[in-house]
Amino acid sequence: MNDPLLTLREYAKLAPWNIRDLAALAGAVLDASAVTPINAAAQSRPSDRTIRFYVARQLMSPPEGRGTAATYGYRHLLQLFAIKLRQMEGATLASITRELAESPGDVLEKRVASALGTLPTLEELTLQPRVAPRGRVRRAMQHWMTPAARPLQGDGTAVSPDEAAGTWIHLALGDGLALEVRADHPAARSEVRRQRLVDALARAVRAVAEESAP
């Protein structure tokens, strides 16, 4: 099992980011995490506007540079994770501001890693086509979404990201049982997540099968 802290530090290799790439990467990691929002109204995926708002409210540190030349680093990514995670737990912006002000970099990093739990590695993470990142994140996305990592169609050819919404993946759960899941579903975005789904459902099926007949 991957160490969340070490995996989180792997993402730092893609820094620095422009605001669009920061939003894309943070959104992809949050989507891939096992976090279940307590506050259903909180959106896990940040946007450019969201990040600018957080900077203006001093929840996030100012970027390096200004305008289109502004760049964001690893600490900005940690701050963005911390804000979104606490929002999903129902915390107010005022309380989040106080918490961030009192958290040194190493403490913030450990808290974020602990809250996110098991994370996909750089090779396992996939970004959604609608994000359309640029720069290093785009190049990383092209590497992550190699044909070997994409869902396969019936003829064995790889499904492109644009085709994923209309493609279904067949997952065998055991003798006599199978599951069909759409390729763009969160549970099917990587081989790791599909295997977790299969393992969880297979355990549930075995439990039902072992129950005594009424």
C-alpha atoms as a PDB file:
ATOM      1  CA  MET A   1       0.000   0.000   0.000  1.00  0.00           C
ATOM      2  CA  ASN A   2       1.316   3.449  -0.916  1.00  0.00           C
ATOM      3  CA  ASP A   3       2.386   5.837   1.837  1.00  0.00           C
ATOM      4  CA  PRO A   4       0.049   8.856   1.454  1.00  0.00           C
ATOM      5  CA  LEU A   5       2.765  11.292   2.544  1.00  0.00           C
ATOM      6  CA  LEU A   6       5.330   9.985   0.059  1.00  0.00           C
ATOM      7  CA  THR A   7       2.742   9.887  -2.726  1.00  0.00           C
ATOM      8  CA  LEU A   8       1.700  13.446  -1.949  1.00  0.00           C
ATOM      9  CA  ARG A   9       5.307  14.579  -2.247  1.00  0.00           C
ATOM     10  CA  GLU A  10       5.500  12.977  -5.684  1.00  0.00           C
ATOM     11  CA  TYR A  11       2.983  15.530  -6.958  1.00  0.00           C
ATOM     12  CA  ALA A  12       5.423  18.303  -5.990  1.00  0.00           C
ATOM     13  CA  LYS A  13       7.614  17.179  -8.900  1.00  0.00           C
ATOM     14  CA  LEU A  14       5.128  18.802 -11.280  1.00  0.00           C
ATOM     15  CA  ALA A  15       5.457  22.249  -9.634  1.00  0.00           C
ATOM     16  CA  PRO A  16       5.390  25.123 -10.337  1.00  0.00           C
ATOM     17  CA  TRP A  17       1.911  25.427 -11.829  1.00  0.00           C
ATOM     18  CA  ASN A  18      -0.171  28.136 -13.385  1.00  0.00           C
ATOM     19  CA  ILE A  19      -3.583  28.601 -11.794  1.00  0.00           C
ATOM     20  CA  ARG A  20      -5.360  26.363 -14.287  1.00  0.00           C
ATOM     21  CA  ASP A  21      -2.967  23.451 -13.805  1.00  0.00           C
ATOM     22  CA  LEU A  22      -3.112  23.809 -10.023  1.00  0.00           C
ATOM     23  CA  ALA A  23      -6.906  23.545 -10.137  1.00  0.00           C
ATOM     24  CA  ALA A  24      -6.717  20.563 -12.513  1.00  0.00           C
ATOM     25  CA  LEU A  25      -4.248  18.601 -10.408  1.00  0.00           C
ATOM     26  CA  ALA A  26      -5.969  19.330  -7.097  1.00  0.00           C
ATOM     27  CA  GLY A  27      -9.349  18.354  -8.525  1.00  0.00           C
ATOM     28  CA  ALA A  28      -8.025  15.082  -9.935  1.00  0.00           C
ATOM     29  CA  VAL A  29      -6.396  14.085  -6.630  1.00  0.00           C
ATOM     30  CA  LEU A  30      -9.513  14.956  -4.617  1.00  0.00           C
ATOM     31  CA  ASP A  31     -11.681  12.992  -7.048  1.00  0.00           C
ATOM     32  CA  ALA A  32      -9.369   9.992  -6.713  1.00  0.00           C
ATOM     33  CA  SER A  33      -9.256  10.099  -2.915  1.00  0.00           C
ATOM     34  CA  ALA A  34     -11.571   8.094  -0.714  1.00  0.00           C
ATOM     35  CA  VAL A  35     -12.910  11.216   1.038  1.00  0.00           C
ATOM     36  CA  THR A  36     -16.691  11.300   1.491  1.00  0.00           C
ATOM     37  CA  PRO A  37     -17.974  14.867   2.013  1.00  0.00           C
ATOM     38  CA  ILE A  38     -20.026  15.426   5.151  1.00  0.00           C
ATOM     39  CA  ASN A  39     -21.109  18.753   3.725  1.00  0.00           C
ATOM     40  CA  ALA A  40     -22.799  17.740   0.471  1.00  0.00           C
ATOM     41  CA  ALA A  41     -22.929  21.363  -0.689  1.00  0.00           C
ATOM     42  CA  ALA A  42     -19.117  21.633  -0.769  1.00  0.00           C
ATOM     43  CA  GLN A  43     -17.672  21.110  -4.232  1.00  0.00           C
ATOM     44  CA  SER A  44     -14.464  19.060  -4.173  1.00  0.00           C
ATOM     45  CA  ARG A  45     -13.188  20.288  -7.530  1.00  0.00           C
ATOM     46  CA  PRO A  46     -11.664  23.790  -7.317  1.00  0.00           C
ATOM     47  CA  SER A  47     -11.668  26.273 -10.195  1.00  0.00           C
ATOM     48  CA  ASP A  48      -9.483  29.210 -11.223  1.00  0.00           C
ATOM     49  CA  ARG A  49     -12.026  31.550  -9.645  1.00  0.00           C
ATOM     50  CA  THR A  50     -12.027  29.526  -6.424  1.00  0.00           C
ATOM     51  CA  ILE A  51      -8.253  29.813  -6.081  1.00  0.00           C
ATOM     52  CA  ARG A  52      -8.292  33.569  -6.740  1.00  0.00           C
ATOM     53  CA  PHE A  53     -10.960  33.934  -4.071  1.00  0.00           C
ATOM     54  CA  TYR A  54      -8.901  31.984  -1.536  1.00  0.00           C
ATOM     55  CA  VAL A  55      -5.838  34.135  -2.270  1.00  0.00           C
ATOM     56  CA  ALA A  56      -7.897  37.320  -1.914  1.00  0.00           C
ATOM     57  CA  ARG A  57      -9.278  36.069   1.425  1.00  0.00           C
ATOM     58  CA  GLN A  58      -5.716  35.155   2.511  1.00  0.00           C
ATOM     59  CA  LEU A  59      -6.549  31.500   2.945  1.00  0.00           C
ATOM     60  CA  MET A  60      -3.826  30.776   0.383  1.00  0.00           C
ATOM     61  CA  SER A  61      -0.463  32.454  -0.008  1.00  0.00           C
ATOM     62  CA  PRO A  62      -0.063  34.871  -2.944  1.00  0.00           C
ATOM     63  CA  PRO A  63       1.486  33.283  -6.060  1.00  0.00           C
ATOM     64  CA  GLU A  64       4.891  34.142  -7.443  1.00  0.00           C
ATOM     65  CA  GLY A  65       4.448  36.783 -10.130  1.00  0.00           C
ATOM     66  CA  ARG A  66       1.279  38.477 -11.292  1.00  0.00           C
ATOM     67  CA  GLY A  67      -1.375  38.070 -13.962  1.00  0.00           C
ATOM     68  CA  THR A  68      -0.827  35.298 -16.501  1.00  0.00           C
ATOM     69  CA  ALA A  69       2.773  34.908 -15.279  1.00  0.00           C
ATOM     70  CA  ALA A  70       1.666  33.963 -11.732  1.00  0.00           C
ATOM     71  CA  THR A  71       2.867  30.533 -10.583  1.00  0.00           C
ATOM     72  CA  TYR A  72       1.942  28.310  -7.644  1.00  0.00           C
ATOM     73  CA  GLY A  73       4.066  25.817  -5.740  1.00  0.00           C
ATOM     74  CA  TYR A  74       3.727  22.778  -3.504  1.00  0.00           C
ATOM     75  CA  ARG A  75       2.602  24.780  -0.449  1.00  0.00           C
ATOM     76  CA  HIS A  76      -0.230  26.274  -2.509  1.00  0.00           C
ATOM     77  CA  LEU A  77      -1.312  22.741  -3.428  1.00  0.00           C
ATOM     78  CA  LEU A  78      -1.295  21.723   0.249  1.00  0.00           C
ATOM     79  CA  GLN A  79      -3.257  24.829   1.221  1.00  0.00           C
ATOM     80  CA  LEU A  80      -5.830  24.141  -1.486  1.00  0.00           C
ATOM     81  CA  PHE A  81      -6.220  20.531  -0.352  1.00  0.00           C
ATOM     82  CA  ALA A  82      -6.583  21.614   3.275  1.00  0.00           C
ATOM     83  CA  ILE A  83      -9.262  24.175   2.442  1.00  0.00           C
ATOM     84  CA  LYS A  84     -11.350  21.841   0.291  1.00  0.00           C
ATOM     85  CA  LEU A  85     -11.060  18.941   2.756  1.00  0.00           C
ATOM     86  CA  ARG A  86     -12.133  21.092   5.709  1.00  0.00           C
ATOM     87  CA  GLN A  87     -14.996  22.573   3.673  1.00  0.00           C
ATOM     88  CA  MET A  88     -16.208  19.053   2.906  1.00  0.00           C
ATOM     89  CA  GLU A  89     -16.158  18.438   6.664  1.00  0.00           C
ATOM     90  CA  GLY A  90     -18.407  21.454   7.184  1.00  0.00           C
ATOM     91  CA  ALA A  91     -15.821  23.944   8.509  1.00  0.00           C
ATOM     92  CA  THR A  92     -16.318  27.668   7.898  1.00  0.00           C
ATOM     93  CA  LEU A  93     -13.831  29.811   6.005  1.00  0.00           C
ATOM     94  CA  ALA A  94     -13.115  31.782   9.191  1.00  0.00           C
ATOM     95  CA  SER A  95     -12.115  28.641  11.107  1.00  0.00           C
ATOM     96  CA  ILE A  96     -10.094  27.343   8.154  1.00  0.00           C
ATOM     97  CA  THR A  97      -8.213  30.644   7.979  1.00  0.00           C
ATOM     98  CA  ARG A  98      -7.227  30.332  11.639  1.00  0.00           C
ATOM     99  CA  GLU A  99      -6.161  26.710  11.239  1.00  0.00           C
ATOM    100  CA  LEU A 100      -3.959  27.448   8.240  1.00  0.00           C
ATOM    101  CA  ALA A 101      -2.324  30.405   9.968  1.00  0.00           C
ATOM    102  CA  GLU A 102      -1.377  28.134  12.872  1.00  0.00           C
ATOM    103  CA  SER A 103      -0.065  25.241  10.737  1.00  0.00           C
ATOM    104  CA  PRO A 104       3.632  25.117   9.749  1.00  0.00           C
ATOM    105  CA  GLY A 105       4.402  23.515   6.394  1.00  0.00           C
ATOM    106  CA  ASP A 106       5.322  20.077   7.751  1.00  0.00           C
ATOM    107  CA  VAL A 107       2.234  19.929   9.971  1.00  0.00           C
ATOM    108  CA  LEU A 108      -0.015  20.963   7.076  1.00  0.00           C
ATOM    109  CA  GLU A 109       1.525  18.332   4.821  1.00  0.00           C
ATOM    110  CA  LYS A 110       0.977  15.538   7.344  1.00  0.00           C
ATOM    111  CA  ARG A 111      -2.611  16.610   8.011  1.00  0.00           C
ATOM    112  CA  VAL A 112      -3.449  16.692   4.320  1.00  0.00           C
ATOM    113  CA  ALA A 113      -1.843  13.297   3.675  1.00  0.00           C
ATOM    114  CA  SER A 114      -3.733  11.777   6.611  1.00  0.00           C
ATOM    115  CA  ALA A 115      -7.060  13.264   5.491  1.00  0.00           C
ATOM    116  CA  LEU A 116      -6.686  12.165   1.871  1.00  0.00           C
ATOM    117  CA  GLY A 117      -5.717   8.630   2.844  1.00  0.00           C
ATOM    118  CA  THR A 118      -4.551   6.193   0.169  1.00  0.00           C
ATOM    119  CA  LEU A 119      -3.689   8.163  -2.952  1.00  0.00           C
ATOM    120  CA  PRO A 120      -2.992   7.130  -6.535  1.00  0.00           C
ATOM    121  CA  THR A 121       0.611   7.484  -7.653  1.00  0.00           C
ATOM    122  CA  LEU A 122       1.568   9.693 -10.584  1.00  0.00           C
ATOM    123  CA  GLU A 123       1.214   6.650 -12.842  1.00  0.00           C
ATOM    124  CA  GLU A 124      -2.268   5.830 -11.529  1.00  0.00           C
ATOM    125  CA  LEU A 125      -3.829   9.300 -11.417  1.00  0.00           C
ATOM    126  CA  THR A 126      -6.072  10.332 -14.313  1.00  0.00           C
ATOM    127  CA  LEU A 127      -7.357  13.785 -15.163  1.00  0.00           C
ATOM    128  CA  GLN A 128     -10.760  14.477 -16.626  1.00  0.00           C
ATOM    129  CA  PRO A 129     -10.748  15.684 -20.260  1.00  0.00           C
ATOM    130  CA  ARG A 130     -12.896  18.727 -19.412  1.00  0.00           C
ATOM    131  CA  VAL A 131     -10.082  20.168 -17.298  1.00  0.00           C
ATOM    132  CA  ALA A 132      -7.751  20.584 -20.304  1.00  0.00           C
ATOM    133  CA  PRO A 133      -4.596  21.373 -18.333  1.00  0.00           C
ATOM    134  CA  ARG A 134      -1.436  22.710 -19.924  1.00  0.00           C
ATOM    135  CA  GLY A 135       2.304  22.595 -19.349  1.00  0.00           C
ATOM    136  CA  ARG A 136       3.749  19.918 -17.093  1.00  0.00           C
ATOM    137  CA  VAL A 137       0.371  18.671 -15.916  1.00  0.00           C
ATOM    138  CA  ARG A 138      -0.757  18.143 -19.510  1.00  0.00           C
ATOM    139  CA  ARG A 139       2.411  16.212 -20.326  1.00  0.00           C
ATOM    140  CA  ALA A 140       1.938  14.125 -17.206  1.00  0.00           C
ATOM    141  CA  MET A 141      -1.673  13.464 -18.158  1.00  0.00           C
ATOM    142  CA  GLN A 142      -0.584  12.197 -21.558  1.00  0.00           C
ATOM    143  CA  HIS A 143       1.811   9.827 -19.803  1.00  0.00           C
ATOM    144  CA  TRP A 144      -0.795   8.660 -17.288  1.00  0.00           C
ATOM    145  CA  MET A 145      -3.387   8.079 -19.998  1.00  0.00           C
ATOM    146  CA  THR A 146      -1.229   5.781 -22.131  1.00  0.00           C
ATOM    147  CA  PRO A 147      -3.143   3.039 -23.987  1.00  0.00           C
ATOM    148  CA  ALA A 148      -2.129   0.477 -21.357  1.00  0.00           C
ATOM    149  CA  ALA A 149      -3.810   2.532 -18.639  1.00  0.00           C
ATOM    150  CA  ARG A 150      -7.029   3.323 -20.493  1.00  0.00           C
ATOM    151  CA  PRO A 151     -10.200   1.229 -20.451  1.00  0.00           C
ATOM    152  CA  LEU A 152     -10.404  -1.197 -23.366  1.00  0.00           C
ATOM    153  CA  GLN A 153     -13.185  -1.647 -25.861  1.00  0.00           C
ATOM    154  CA  GLY A 154     -14.502  -5.026 -26.879  1.00  0.00           C
ATOM    155  CA  ASP A 155     -11.963  -5.349 -29.695  1.00  0.00           C
ATOM    156  CA  GLY A 156      -9.090  -4.647 -27.296  1.00  0.00           C
ATOM    157  CA  THR A 157      -8.339  -1.114 -28.494  1.00  0.00           C
ATOM    158  CA  ALA A 158      -7.924   1.683 -25.959  1.00  0.00           C
ATOM    159  CA  VAL A 159     -10.821   4.018 -25.196  1.00  0.00           C
ATOM    160  CA  SER A 160      -9.984   7.678 -25.702  1.00  0.00           C
ATOM    161  CA  PRO A 161     -10.952  10.085 -22.891  1.00  0.00           C
ATOM    162  CA  ASP A 162     -13.621  11.610 -25.135  1.00  0.00           C
ATOM    163  CA  GLU A 163     -15.189   8.198 -25.746  1.00  0.00           C
ATOM    164  CA  ALA A 164     -15.136   7.111 -22.105  1.00  0.00           C
ATOM    165  CA  ALA A 165     -18.588   8.530 -21.313  1.00  0.00           C
ATOM    166  CA  GLY A 166     -20.228   6.071 -23.695  1.00  0.00           C
ATOM    167  CA  THR A 167     -18.110   3.011 -22.934  1.00  0.00           C
ATOM    168  CA  TRP A 168     -18.870   0.271 -20.411  1.00  0.00           C
ATOM    169  CA  ILE A 169     -16.229  -1.918 -18.746  1.00  0.00           C
ATOM    170  CA  HIS A 170     -16.905  -5.568 -17.907  1.00  0.00           C
ATOM    171  CA  LEU A 171     -15.564  -6.593 -14.481  1.00  0.00           C
ATOM    172  CA  ALA A 172     -15.710 -10.251 -13.443  1.00  0.00           C
ATOM    173  CA  LEU A 173     -16.590 -10.745  -9.755  1.00  0.00           C
ATOM    174  CA  GLY A 174     -16.383 -14.509  -9.659  1.00  0.00           C
ATOM    175  CA  ASP A 175     -18.076 -17.603 -10.985  1.00  0.00           C
ATOM    176  CA  GLY A 176     -21.433 -16.575 -12.428  1.00  0.00           C
ATOM    177  CA  LEU A 177     -21.207 -12.881 -11.511  1.00  0.00           C
ATOM    178  CA  ALA A 178     -20.000  -9.771 -13.328  1.00  0.00           C
ATOM    179  CA  LEU A 179     -20.381  -6.006 -13.135  1.00  0.00           C
ATOM    180  CA  GLU A 180     -20.726  -3.446 -15.898  1.00  0.00           C
ATOM    181  CA  VAL A 181     -19.388   0.023 -15.006  1.00  0.00           C
ATOM    182  CA  ARG A 182     -19.198   3.050 -17.278  1.00  0.00           C
ATOM    183  CA  ALA A 183     -15.610   4.048 -18.121  1.00  0.00           C
ATOM    184  CA  ASP A 184     -16.016   7.637 -16.932  1.00  0.00           C
ATOM    185  CA  HIS A 185     -17.370   6.582 -13.511  1.00  0.00           C
ATOM    186  CA  PRO A 186     -15.061   7.573 -10.596  1.00  0.00           C
ATOM    187  CA  ALA A 187     -14.673   3.910  -9.646  1.00  0.00           C
ATOM    188  CA  ALA A 188     -13.330   3.043 -13.112  1.00  0.00           C
ATOM    189  CA  ARG A 189     -10.807   5.807 -13.725  1.00  0.00           C
ATOM    190  CA  SER A 190      -7.772   3.606 -13.130  1.00  0.00           C
ATOM    191  CA  GLU A 191      -6.895  -0.061 -12.916  1.00  0.00           C
ATOM    192  CA  VAL A 192      -6.213   0.351  -9.194  1.00  0.00           C
ATOM    193  CA  ARG A 193      -9.681   1.740  -8.492  1.00  0.00           C
ATOM    194  CA  ARG A 194     -11.372  -0.910 -10.645  1.00  0.00           C
ATOM    195  CA  GLN A 195      -9.543  -3.645  -8.713  1.00  0.00           C
ATOM    196  CA  ARG A 196     -10.609  -2.097  -5.391  1.00  0.00           C
ATOM    197  CA  LEU A 197     -14.206  -2.145  -6.606  1.00  0.00           C
ATOM    198  CA  VAL A 198     -13.962  -5.774  -7.688  1.00  0.00           C
ATOM    199  CA  ASP A 199     -12.371  -6.822  -4.380  1.00  0.00           C
ATOM    200  CA  ALA A 200     -14.995  -5.005  -2.295  1.00  0.00           C
ATOM    201  CA  LEU A 201     -17.938  -6.435  -4.238  1.00  0.00           C
ATOM    202  CA  ALA A 202     -16.427  -9.925  -4.291  1.00  0.00           C
ATOM    203  CA  ARG A 203     -16.211  -9.854  -0.484  1.00  0.00           C
ATOM    204  CA  ALA A 204     -19.856  -8.769  -0.256  1.00  0.00           C
ATOM    205  CA  VAL A 205     -20.917 -11.537  -2.635  1.00  0.00           C
ATOM    206  CA  ARG A 206     -19.037 -14.161  -0.613  1.00  0.00           C
ATOM    207  CA  ALA A 207     -20.677 -12.941   2.590  1.00  0.00           C
ATOM    208  CA  VAL A 208     -24.155 -13.279   1.061  1.00  0.00           C
ATOM    209  CA  ALA A 209     -23.362 -16.691  -0.415  1.00  0.00           C
ATOM    210  CA  GLU A 210     -22.150 -17.988   2.953  1.00  0.00           C
ATOM    211  CA  GLU A 211     -25.330 -16.945   4.770  1.00  0.00           C
ATOM    212  CA  SER A 212     -27.535 -19.792   5.858  1.00  0.00           C
ATOM    213  CA  ALA A 213     -30.590 -20.284   3.705  1.00  0.00           C
ATOM    214  CA  PRO A 214     -33.851 -19.208   5.430  1.00  0.00           C
END
